[in-house]
Structures are given as structure tokens and as C-alpha cells.
């Protein structure tokens, strides 16, 4: 995934309660990303209510930029 891609949160599970947030079904656009020390990415995703930082494992690609 890269800046400009459209994404949404993966379906909710008990392990990831953040995916139960009210905006969990909303599509957002990646506006920034950062790689952590273990090689995983956090993405800043702009949703209609504002932006959120989300772990890569919690996102699914909707449409490439």
C-alpha cells in the first residue's frame, strides 16, 4: 500500500477492537506512512471525520492510486 491508495479496515474481530469504531466501514485515503523498527508500517488514513494512524495489518486495499 502507498500514499493515495483507498483503504478500509478489515472486518472486526475480538483481537482488534479498534475495528469496531463507528467509522470502521468507511473508505479512507492513505496520506502518510511510517515504517517501524520491526519492518511493519503504520498508515495515516484520512477519513471523513479526520485522520487516524492505523497498523498495516488492520487495513485492506480498496483501490490502488
N, C-alpha and C. Protein backbone atom coordinates (compact mmCIF):
# COMPACT_ATOMS: atom_id res chain seq x y z
N UNK A 1 0.85 -1.17 0.00
CA UNK A 1 0.00 0.00 0.00
C UNK A 1 0.89 1.23 0.00
N UNK A 2 0.37 2.29 -0.60
CA UNK A 2 1.16 3.52 -0.73
C UNK A 2 0.24 4.74 -0.59
N UNK A 3 0.88 5.90 -0.49
CA UNK A 3 0.13 7.16 -0.40
C UNK A 3 -0.77 7.29 -1.62
N UNK A 4 -2.02 7.63 -1.37
CA UNK A 4 -3.01 7.79 -2.44
C UNK A 4 -3.95 6.61 -2.60
N UNK A 5 -3.59 5.45 -2.05
CA UNK A 5 -4.46 4.27 -2.13
C UNK A 5 -5.70 4.46 -1.27
N UNK A 6 -6.82 3.88 -1.71
CA UNK A 6 -8.04 3.86 -0.91
C UNK A 6 -8.05 2.57 -0.10
N UNK A 7 -8.35 2.68 1.18
CA UNK A 7 -8.32 1.54 2.09
C UNK A 7 -9.51 1.58 3.03
N UNK A 8 -9.76 0.45 3.67
CA UNK A 8 -10.72 0.40 4.77
C UNK A 8 -10.20 -0.61 5.77
N UNK A 9 -10.77 -0.59 6.97
CA UNK A 9 -10.37 -1.54 7.99
C UNK A 9 -10.88 -2.92 7.64
N UNK A 10 -10.09 -3.94 7.97
CA UNK A 10 -10.54 -5.32 7.78
C UNK A 10 -11.74 -5.58 8.69
N UNK A 11 -12.52 -6.61 8.39
CA UNK A 11 -13.68 -6.93 9.25
C UNK A 11 -13.27 -7.08 10.71
N UNK A 12 -14.16 -6.72 11.64
CA UNK A 12 -13.82 -6.75 13.06
C UNK A 12 -13.58 -8.15 13.59
N UNK A 13 -12.79 -8.20 14.64
CA UNK A 13 -12.57 -9.45 15.37
C UNK A 13 -12.37 -9.08 16.83
N UNK A 14 -12.41 -10.07 17.69
CA UNK A 14 -12.21 -9.82 19.12
C UNK A 14 -10.80 -9.34 19.41
N UNK A 15 -9.84 -9.70 18.54
CA UNK A 15 -8.45 -9.32 18.77
C UNK A 15 -8.17 -7.86 18.43
N UNK A 16 -9.00 -7.26 17.61
CA UNK A 16 -8.76 -5.89 17.17
C UNK A 16 -10.01 -5.03 17.39
N UNK A 17 -10.25 -4.62 18.65
CA UNK A 17 -11.46 -3.86 18.95
C UNK A 17 -11.54 -2.52 18.22
N UNK A 18 -10.39 -1.96 17.77
CA UNK A 18 -10.47 -0.66 17.08
C UNK A 18 -11.29 -0.77 15.81
N UNK A 19 -11.38 -1.97 15.25
CA UNK A 19 -12.16 -2.14 14.03
C UNK A 19 -13.65 -2.10 14.31
N UNK A 20 -14.02 -1.92 15.56
CA UNK A 20 -15.44 -1.78 15.90
C UNK A 20 -15.81 -0.30 16.05
N UNK A 21 -14.87 0.59 15.73
CA UNK A 21 -15.17 2.02 15.78
C UNK A 21 -16.25 2.37 14.78
N UNK A 22 -17.02 3.43 15.01
CA UNK A 22 -18.12 3.80 14.12
C UNK A 22 -17.71 4.02 12.67
N UNK A 23 -16.47 4.42 12.44
CA UNK A 23 -16.01 4.69 11.07
C UNK A 23 -15.34 3.47 10.43
N UNK A 24 -15.48 2.30 11.04
CA UNK A 24 -14.77 1.10 10.58
C UNK A 24 -15.16 0.67 9.16
N UNK A 25 -16.36 0.98 8.71
CA UNK A 25 -16.79 0.58 7.36
C UNK A 25 -16.51 1.66 6.32
N UNK A 26 -15.94 2.75 6.76
CA UNK A 26 -15.69 3.89 5.87
C UNK A 26 -14.41 3.68 5.05
N UNK A 27 -14.43 4.14 3.81
CA UNK A 27 -13.23 4.10 2.97
C UNK A 27 -12.45 5.38 3.22
N UNK A 28 -11.12 5.24 3.34
CA UNK A 28 -10.26 6.40 3.54
C UNK A 28 -9.12 6.37 2.54
N UNK A 29 -8.35 7.44 2.51
CA UNK A 29 -7.21 7.55 1.61
C UNK A 29 -5.92 7.67 2.43
N UNK A 30 -4.91 6.90 2.04
CA UNK A 30 -3.62 6.96 2.74
C UNK A 30 -2.95 8.29 2.41
N UNK A 31 -2.58 9.04 3.46
CA UNK A 31 -1.93 10.33 3.24
C UNK A 31 -0.49 10.36 3.74
N UNK A 32 -0.09 9.36 4.53
CA UNK A 32 1.29 9.29 5.02
C UNK A 32 1.54 7.88 5.52
N UNK A 33 2.81 7.51 5.66
CA UNK A 33 3.15 6.20 6.21
C UNK A 33 4.51 6.28 6.87
N UNK A 34 4.72 5.37 7.81
CA UNK A 34 6.00 5.29 8.50
C UNK A 34 6.28 3.82 8.78
N UNK A 35 7.53 3.42 8.63
CA UNK A 35 7.94 2.04 8.92
C UNK A 35 8.51 1.99 10.32
N UNK A 36 8.05 1.02 11.12
CA UNK A 36 8.58 0.91 12.47
C UNK A 36 9.86 0.07 12.47
N UNK A 37 10.46 -0.08 13.64
CA UNK A 37 11.75 -0.77 13.76
C UNK A 37 11.68 -2.27 13.44
N UNK A 38 10.48 -2.83 13.40
CA UNK A 38 10.32 -4.25 13.08
C UNK A 38 9.96 -4.48 11.62
N UNK A 39 9.84 -3.41 10.84
CA UNK A 39 9.54 -3.54 9.42
C UNK A 39 8.07 -3.45 9.06
N UNK A 40 7.22 -3.23 10.05
CA UNK A 40 5.80 -3.06 9.77
C UNK A 40 5.50 -1.59 9.54
N UNK A 41 4.41 -1.32 8.83
CA UNK A 41 4.05 0.06 8.50
C UNK A 41 2.83 0.51 9.28
N UNK A 42 2.83 1.78 9.63
CA UNK A 42 1.66 2.48 10.13
C UNK A 42 1.28 3.47 9.05
N UNK A 43 -0.01 3.54 8.76
CA UNK A 43 -0.50 4.44 7.72
C UNK A 43 -1.38 5.50 8.33
N UNK A 44 -1.19 6.73 7.90
CA UNK A 44 -2.11 7.79 8.28
C UNK A 44 -3.19 7.82 7.21
N UNK A 45 -4.41 7.55 7.64
CA UNK A 45 -5.53 7.44 6.72
C UNK A 45 -6.52 8.57 7.00
N UNK A 46 -6.87 9.30 5.94
CA UNK A 46 -7.85 10.38 6.06
C UNK A 46 -9.25 9.82 5.85
N UNK A 47 -10.07 9.93 6.88
CA UNK A 47 -11.48 9.54 6.82
C UNK A 47 -12.31 10.82 6.85
N UNK A 48 -13.61 10.70 6.73
CA UNK A 48 -14.47 11.90 6.70
C UNK A 48 -14.40 12.68 8.01
N UNK A 49 -14.16 12.01 9.14
CA UNK A 49 -14.11 12.68 10.44
C UNK A 49 -12.74 13.27 10.76
N UNK A 50 -11.72 12.90 10.00
CA UNK A 50 -10.34 13.32 10.27
C UNK A 50 -9.40 12.17 9.95
N UNK A 51 -8.15 12.30 10.36
CA UNK A 51 -7.19 11.24 10.04
C UNK A 51 -6.88 10.39 11.27
N UNK A 52 -6.50 9.15 11.00
CA UNK A 52 -6.15 8.19 12.04
C UNK A 52 -4.89 7.45 11.60
N UNK A 53 -4.01 7.11 12.55
CA UNK A 53 -2.88 6.23 12.26
C UNK A 53 -3.34 4.80 12.50
N UNK A 54 -3.11 3.93 11.49
CA UNK A 54 -3.61 2.56 11.53
C UNK A 54 -2.49 1.60 11.13
N UNK A 55 -2.34 0.50 11.86
CA UNK A 55 -1.35 -0.54 11.52
C UNK A 55 -1.70 -1.18 10.19
N UNK A 56 -0.66 -1.56 9.44
CA UNK A 56 -0.87 -2.17 8.12
C UNK A 56 -1.69 -3.44 8.17
N UNK A 57 -1.53 -4.22 9.23
CA UNK A 57 -2.25 -5.49 9.33
C UNK A 57 -3.75 -5.31 9.52
N UNK A 58 -4.18 -4.11 9.85
CA UNK A 58 -5.60 -3.84 10.07
C UNK A 58 -6.30 -3.30 8.84
N UNK A 59 -5.54 -3.03 7.78
CA UNK A 59 -6.11 -2.41 6.58
C UNK A 59 -6.23 -3.38 5.42
N UNK A 60 -7.22 -3.13 4.58
CA UNK A 60 -7.32 -3.85 3.31
C UNK A 60 -7.45 -2.82 2.19
N UNK A 61 -6.83 -3.14 1.07
CA UNK A 61 -6.81 -2.25 -0.08
C UNK A 61 -8.16 -2.28 -0.79
N UNK A 62 -8.70 -1.12 -1.08
CA UNK A 62 -9.95 -1.00 -1.83
C UNK A 62 -9.64 -0.67 -3.29
N UNK A 63 -8.72 0.28 -3.50
CA UNK A 63 -8.38 0.71 -4.86
C UNK A 63 -6.98 1.34 -4.84
N UNK A 64 -6.13 0.90 -5.77
CA UNK A 64 -4.80 1.48 -5.86
C UNK A 64 -4.85 2.86 -6.49
N UNK A 65 -3.92 3.72 -6.08
CA UNK A 65 -3.83 5.08 -6.63
C UNK A 65 -3.33 5.03 -8.07
